[in-house]
C-alpha atoms as a PDB file:
ATOM      1  CA  MET A   1      41.200 -86.716-152.374  1.00  0.00           C
ATOM      2  CA  SER A   2      43.061 -88.194-149.462  1.00  0.00           C
ATOM      3  CA  MET A   3      42.235 -87.805-145.808  1.00  0.00           C
ATOM      4  CA  HIS A   4      45.189 -86.317-144.011  1.00  0.00           C
ATOM      5  CA  ASN A   5      45.287 -86.275-140.219  1.00  0.00           C
ATOM      6  CA  HIS A   6      46.791 -83.071-138.763  1.00  0.00           C
ATOM      7  CA  SER A   7      46.334 -84.040-135.125  1.00  0.00           C
ATOM      8  CA  ASN A   8      49.786 -85.551-134.694  1.00  0.00           C
ATOM      9  CA  HIS A   9      51.750 -82.454-135.826  1.00  0.00           C
ATOM     10  CA  ASP A  10      53.485 -80.567-133.046  1.00  0.00           C
ATOM     11  CA  HIS A  11      52.396 -76.920-133.048  1.00  0.00           C
ATOM     12  CA  PRO A  12      53.485 -75.058-129.937  1.00  0.00           C
ATOM     13  CA  GLN A  13      50.527 -73.302-128.357  1.00  0.00           C
ATOM     14  CA  GLY A  14      51.711 -70.017-126.865  1.00  0.00           C
ATOM     15  CA  SER A  15      49.682 -67.215-125.412  1.00  0.00           C
ATOM     16  CA  PHE A  16      48.589 -64.237-127.452  1.00  0.00           C
ATOM     17  CA  LEU A  17      50.829 -61.838-125.519  1.00  0.00           C
ATOM     18  CA  THR A  18      53.974 -63.739-126.473  1.00  0.00           C
ATOM     19  CA  SER A  19      53.065 -63.827-130.170  1.00  0.00           C
ATOM     20  CA  ARG A  20      54.329 -61.209-132.600  1.00  0.00           C
ATOM     21  CA  ALA A  21      50.939 -59.463-132.760  1.00  0.00           C
ATOM     22  CA  GLY A  22      50.666 -59.464-128.972  1.00  0.00           C
ATOM     23  CA  LEU A  23      54.082 -57.881-128.560  1.00  0.00           C
ATOM     24  CA  VAL A  24      53.202 -55.184-131.091  1.00  0.00           C
ATOM     25  CA  LEU A  25      49.946 -54.519-129.227  1.00  0.00           C
ATOM     26  CA  LEU A  26      51.828 -54.252-125.914  1.00  0.00           C
ATOM     27  CA  GLY A  27      54.255 -51.816-127.560  1.00  0.00           C
ATOM     28  CA  PHE A  28      51.371 -49.632-128.771  1.00  0.00           C
ATOM     29  CA  PHE A  29      49.824 -49.667-125.287  1.00  0.00           C
ATOM     30  CA  ALA A  30      53.153 -48.679-123.713  1.00  0.00           C
ATOM     31  CA  ILE A  31      53.647 -45.790-126.152  1.00  0.00           C
ATOM     32  CA  GLY A  32      50.044 -44.656-125.735  1.00  0.00           C
ATOM     33  CA  GLY A  33      50.279 -44.785-121.947  1.00  0.00           C
ATOM     34  CA  PHE A  34      53.486 -42.784-121.962  1.00  0.00           C
ATOM     35  CA  LEU A  35      51.984 -40.124-124.236  1.00  0.00           C
ATOM     36  CA  LEU A  36      48.812 -39.914-122.145  1.00  0.00           C
ATOM     37  CA  PHE A  37      50.855 -39.497-118.978  1.00  0.00           C
ATOM     38  CA  THR A  38      53.153 -36.821-120.366  1.00  0.00           C
ATOM     39  CA  GLU A  39      50.387 -34.784-122.023  1.00  0.00           C
ATOM     40  CA  HIS A  40      47.931 -34.923-119.105  1.00  0.00           C
ATOM     41  CA  ARG A  41      50.371 -34.847-116.193  1.00  0.00           C
ATOM     42  CA  ALA A  42      49.392 -31.301-115.154  1.00  0.00           C
ATOM     43  CA  HIS A  43      45.705 -32.197-115.034  1.00  0.00           C
ATOM     44  CA  VAL A  44      46.256 -35.353-113.007  1.00  0.00           C
ATOM     45  CA  LEU A  45      48.683 -33.780-110.544  1.00  0.00           C
ATOM     46  CA  GLY A  46      46.395 -30.756-110.160  1.00  0.00           C
ATOM     47  CA  ALA A  47      43.526 -33.034-109.175  1.00  0.00           C
ATOM     48  CA  LEU A  48      45.595 -34.762-106.478  1.00  0.00           C
ATOM     49  CA  PHE A  49      45.070 -31.728-104.231  1.00  0.00           C
ATOM     50  CA  TYR A  50      41.342 -32.517-104.003  1.00  0.00           C
ATOM     51  CA  LEU A  51      41.763 -36.224-103.305  1.00  0.00           C
ATOM     52  CA  LEU A  52      42.752 -35.777 -99.654  1.00  0.00           C
ATOM     53  CA  PRO A  53      39.611 -33.855 -98.573  1.00  0.00           C
ATOM     54  CA  LEU A  54      37.377 -36.090-100.688  1.00  0.00           C
ATOM     55  CA  GLY A  55      39.023 -39.163 -99.220  1.00  0.00           C
ATOM     56  CA  CYS A  56      38.381 -37.900 -95.693  1.00  0.00           C
ATOM     57  CA  VAL A  57      34.714 -37.224 -96.435  1.00  0.00           C
ATOM     58  CA  PHE A  58      34.143 -40.589 -98.079  1.00  0.00           C
ATOM     59  CA  MET A  59      35.941 -42.441 -95.291  1.00  0.00           C
ATOM     60  CA  HIS A  60      33.804 -40.663 -92.707  1.00  0.00           C
ATOM     61  CA  PHE A  61      30.555 -41.581 -94.436  1.00  0.00           C
ATOM     62  CA  PHE A  62      31.391 -45.149 -95.397  1.00  0.00           C
ATOM     63  CA  MET A  63      33.676 -46.263 -92.570  1.00  0.00           C
ATOM     64  CA  HIS A  64      32.395 -44.355 -89.552  1.00  0.00           C
ATOM     65  CA  GLY A  65      30.136 -47.170 -88.341  1.00  0.00           C
ATOM     66  CA  GLY A  66      33.068 -49.556 -88.106  1.00  0.00           C
ATOM     67  CA  HIS A  67      34.316 -48.401 -84.695  1.00  0.00           C
ATOM     68  CA  GLY A  68      31.151 -48.549 -82.612  1.00  0.00           C
ATOM     69  CA  HIS A  69      29.582 -45.198 -83.432  1.00  0.00           C
ATOM     70  CA  GLY A  70      26.903 -46.460 -85.791  1.00  0.00           C
ATOM     71  CA  GLY A  71      23.382 -45.097 -85.350  1.00  0.00           C
ATOM     72  CA  HIS A  72      23.903 -41.562 -84.104  1.00  0.00           C
ATOM     73  CA  GLY A  73      20.447 -41.083 -82.648  1.00  0.00           C
ATOM     74  CA  ASP A  74      19.056 -38.854 -79.907  1.00  0.00           C
ATOM     75  CA  HIS A  75      20.191 -40.455 -76.646  1.00  0.00           C
ATOM     76  CA  ARG A  76      18.848 -37.775 -74.277  1.00  0.00           C
ATOM     77  CA  ASN A  77      15.641 -39.665 -73.428  1.00  0.00           C
ATOM     78  CA  GLN A  78      17.397 -42.943 -72.702  1.00  0.00           C
ATOM     79  CA  PRO A  79      18.594 -43.685 -69.153  1.00  0.00           C
ATOM     80  CA  ASP A  80      22.309 -43.563 -68.548  1.00  0.00           C
ATOM     81  CA  GLU A  81      23.771 -47.013 -67.819  1.00  0.00           C
ATOM     82  CA  ARG A  82      26.111 -45.582 -65.186  1.00  0.00           C
ATOM     83  CA  ASN A  83      23.354 -43.648 -63.400  1.00  0.00           C
ATOM     84  CA  PRO A  84      20.041 -45.582 -63.530  1.00  0.00           C
ATOM     85  CA  LEU A  85      18.041 -42.734 -61.895  1.00  0.00           C
END
């Protein structure tokens, strides 16, 4: 039994995506994505109608404090800065 050193052999180390199995996997993902898009296009495009109102509501709730209107409290009992009386 002889000891053989394999450390000096040149084996190119490529990424998984450039290997044969990686390219096949990318092909399956591309075909699957195309089929999902074509079969469910009506559902996705039908839901786009509701994204504009939902986007407005979410932006109002989550971004409204960003322009100086945070803390909408009752300001009737506080003195006006312009009229100290």
